[in-house]
Amino acid sequence: MRTQRQVVDYSLRKRAVLRELLAGRVGTYDVCDASPYLKNAARFHGEPTDERCPICRSENLIHVHYIYGDELKQSAGQARTLAELPVLAMTLREFQVFVVEVCLGCDWNHLVEQYLLGRDGLAEAGSEAEAVGGDASGPVHRRREAQR
């Protein structure tokens, strides 16, 4: 997505949890604890992946996208489909997306990544392009002219 920024990837944390599980320091009941709400969100709003569950290896994982932000008001904390995110990104200034992977077979769940979306990202991308040498009539050029 064009406005995606400030991405935080949790794959290292996931590998650490799986290492702890294989070493016996953590039980499967500690990591396979998806709530009924999360499982329902995965069923109705989730995006199926090609990745197998690292615990049961019998089901493919499902990604659930949760959105948070001040402009969302009552919609904050709701699960949304991947198709809804670009529409929201063009209508809202900024909101945060948390992607959770879920296995409906064994209840494994883990935070995959988080990132920001929204129109504010378009302004940042545009000003970076102009600063690198984009449009000479943009705001960077006008500021330089005003300083002279």
Protein backbone atom coordinates (compact mmCIF):
# COMPACT_ATOMS: atom_id res chain seq x y z
CA MET A 1 0.00 0.00 0.00
CA ARG A 2 1.28 3.45 -0.90
CA THR A 3 0.70 5.02 2.49
CA GLN A 4 2.11 2.17 4.60
CA ARG A 5 4.88 3.40 6.91
CA GLN A 6 6.58 2.77 10.26
CA VAL A 7 6.40 -1.00 9.83
CA VAL A 8 7.33 -3.16 12.82
CA ASP A 9 7.93 -6.84 12.04
CA TYR A 10 7.56 -9.38 14.86
CA SER A 11 9.11 -12.40 13.10
CA LEU A 12 12.10 -12.47 15.47
CA ARG A 13 9.77 -12.55 18.46
CA LYS A 14 7.80 -15.38 16.84
CA ARG A 15 10.98 -17.41 16.32
CA ALA A 16 11.95 -16.84 19.95
CA VAL A 17 8.54 -18.07 21.16
CA LEU A 18 8.78 -21.16 18.96
CA ARG A 19 12.31 -21.84 20.25
CA GLU A 20 11.05 -21.59 23.84
CA LEU A 21 8.24 -24.01 22.99
CA LEU A 22 10.58 -26.55 21.39
CA ALA A 23 12.94 -26.30 24.37
CA GLY A 24 10.08 -27.08 26.74
CA ARG A 25 10.28 -23.78 28.63
CA VAL A 26 6.80 -22.82 27.40
CA GLY A 27 3.79 -25.09 27.01
CA THR A 28 1.47 -25.29 24.03
CA TYR A 29 -1.39 -24.06 26.20
CA ASP A 30 0.57 -20.85 26.74
CA VAL A 31 0.93 -20.11 23.02
CA CYS A 32 -2.25 -21.70 21.65
CA ASP A 33 -4.71 -19.45 23.45
CA ALA A 34 -6.72 -17.61 20.79
CA SER A 35 -9.86 -16.07 22.24
CA PRO A 36 -13.27 -16.86 20.73
CA TYR A 37 -13.45 -13.24 19.53
CA LEU A 38 -10.14 -13.58 17.67
CA LYS A 39 -11.20 -16.88 16.11
CA ASN A 40 -14.49 -15.36 14.92
CA ALA A 41 -12.62 -12.37 13.49
CA ALA A 42 -10.36 -14.81 11.63
CA ARG A 43 -13.36 -16.68 10.22
CA PHE A 44 -15.28 -13.63 9.04
CA HIS A 45 -12.64 -10.95 8.37
CA GLY A 46 -9.40 -12.91 8.00
CA GLU A 47 -7.23 -13.36 4.94
CA PRO A 48 -6.09 -16.97 4.36
CA THR A 49 -2.35 -17.47 3.81
CA ASP A 50 -0.27 -20.25 2.28
CA GLU A 51 1.74 -20.60 5.49
CA ARG A 52 1.15 -23.68 7.65
CA CYS A 53 0.66 -23.38 11.40
CA PRO A 54 4.03 -23.82 13.15
CA ILE A 55 2.38 -25.80 15.97
CA CYS A 56 -0.12 -28.26 14.49
CA ARG A 57 1.08 -28.09 10.85
CA SER A 58 -2.38 -29.22 9.73
CA GLU A 59 -4.07 -25.86 9.02
CA ASN A 60 -3.03 -22.78 7.08
CA LEU A 61 -2.71 -19.56 9.06
CA ILE A 62 -5.19 -16.71 8.69
CA HIS A 63 -4.18 -13.04 9.01
CA VAL A 64 -6.54 -10.72 10.87
CA HIS A 65 -6.08 -6.94 10.50
CA TYR A 66 -7.12 -4.83 13.51
CA ILE A 67 -7.32 -1.04 13.16
CA TYR A 68 -6.79 1.64 15.81
CA GLY A 69 -6.77 5.42 15.63
CA ASP A 70 -8.33 8.58 17.04
CA GLU A 71 -10.37 9.28 13.90
CA LEU A 72 -11.95 5.81 14.01
CA LYS A 73 -13.90 6.54 17.21
CA GLN A 74 -16.23 3.54 17.82
CA SER A 75 -14.64 1.57 14.97
CA ALA A 76 -11.26 1.44 16.74
CA GLY A 77 -10.25 -2.08 17.63
CA GLN A 78 -12.35 -3.71 14.93
CA ALA A 79 -11.09 -6.36 12.53
CA ARG A 80 -11.17 -5.34 8.87
CA THR A 81 -10.54 -7.18 5.63
CA LEU A 82 -7.46 -6.37 3.62
CA ALA A 83 -9.66 -4.92 0.86
CA GLU A 84 -11.10 -2.32 3.26
CA LEU A 85 -7.72 -0.92 4.31
CA PRO A 86 -6.89 1.10 1.14
CA VAL A 87 -10.33 2.75 1.25
CA LEU A 88 -9.82 3.71 4.89
CA ALA A 89 -6.28 4.89 4.12
CA MET A 90 -7.64 7.41 1.61
CA THR A 91 -10.39 8.69 3.91
CA LEU A 92 -8.53 8.93 7.25
CA ARG A 93 -5.42 10.92 8.08
CA GLU A 94 -3.71 8.20 10.11
CA PHE A 95 -4.51 4.90 11.79
CA GLN A 96 -2.55 1.92 13.02
CA VAL A 97 -2.95 -1.63 11.72
CA PHE A 98 -2.02 -4.72 13.73
CA VAL A 99 -1.78 -8.00 11.81
CA VAL A 100 -2.32 -11.16 13.86
CA GLU A 101 -1.86 -14.69 12.52
CA VAL A 102 -4.35 -17.27 13.78
CA CYS A 103 -4.71 -21.03 13.42
CA LEU A 104 -8.30 -22.18 13.75
CA GLY A 105 -7.14 -25.75 14.35
CA CYS A 106 -4.98 -25.38 17.46
CA ASP A 107 -5.66 -21.73 18.49
CA TRP A 108 -2.09 -20.54 17.82
CA ASN A 109 -1.97 -16.76 17.46
CA HIS A 110 0.85 -14.29 17.21
CA LEU A 111 1.32 -10.64 16.26
CA VAL A 112 2.92 -10.58 12.79
CA GLU A 113 3.41 -6.86 12.19
CA GLN A 114 2.07 -3.40 12.81
CA TYR A 115 2.16 -0.32 10.61
CA LEU A 116 0.57 3.07 10.00
CA LEU A 117 -1.76 3.88 7.13
CA GLY A 118 -3.56 7.05 6.09
CA ARG A 119 -3.43 10.18 3.97
CA ASP A 120 -0.61 11.68 6.06
CA GLY A 121 1.69 9.13 4.43
CA LEU A 122 1.01 10.62 1.01
CA ALA A 123 2.26 14.03 2.13
CA GLU A 124 5.43 12.50 3.61
CA ALA A 125 6.14 10.49 0.46
CA GLY A 126 5.65 13.58 -1.71
CA SER A 127 7.96 15.82 0.33
CA GLU A 128 10.69 13.15 0.35
CA ALA A 129 10.55 12.86 -3.45
CA GLU A 130 10.78 16.64 -3.83
CA ALA A 131 13.73 16.87 -1.42
CA VAL A 132 15.60 14.20 -3.38
CA GLY A 133 15.20 16.16 -6.60
CA GLY A 134 11.63 15.88 -7.69
CA ASP A 135 9.42 18.74 -8.76
CA ALA A 136 11.27 22.09 -8.62
CA SER A 137 8.03 24.01 -8.18
CA GLY A 138 7.16 22.08 -5.00
CA PRO A 139 7.17 23.35 -1.40
CA VAL A 140 10.95 22.79 -0.94
CA HIS A 141 11.75 25.08 -3.88
CA ARG A 142 9.26 27.70 -2.68
CA ARG A 143 10.80 27.69 0.82
CA ARG A 144 14.26 28.24 -0.65
CA GLU A 145 12.95 31.13 -2.75
CA ALA A 146 11.33 32.68 0.32
CA GLN A 147 14.59 32.46 2.29
CA ARG A 148 16.54 34.39 -0.40
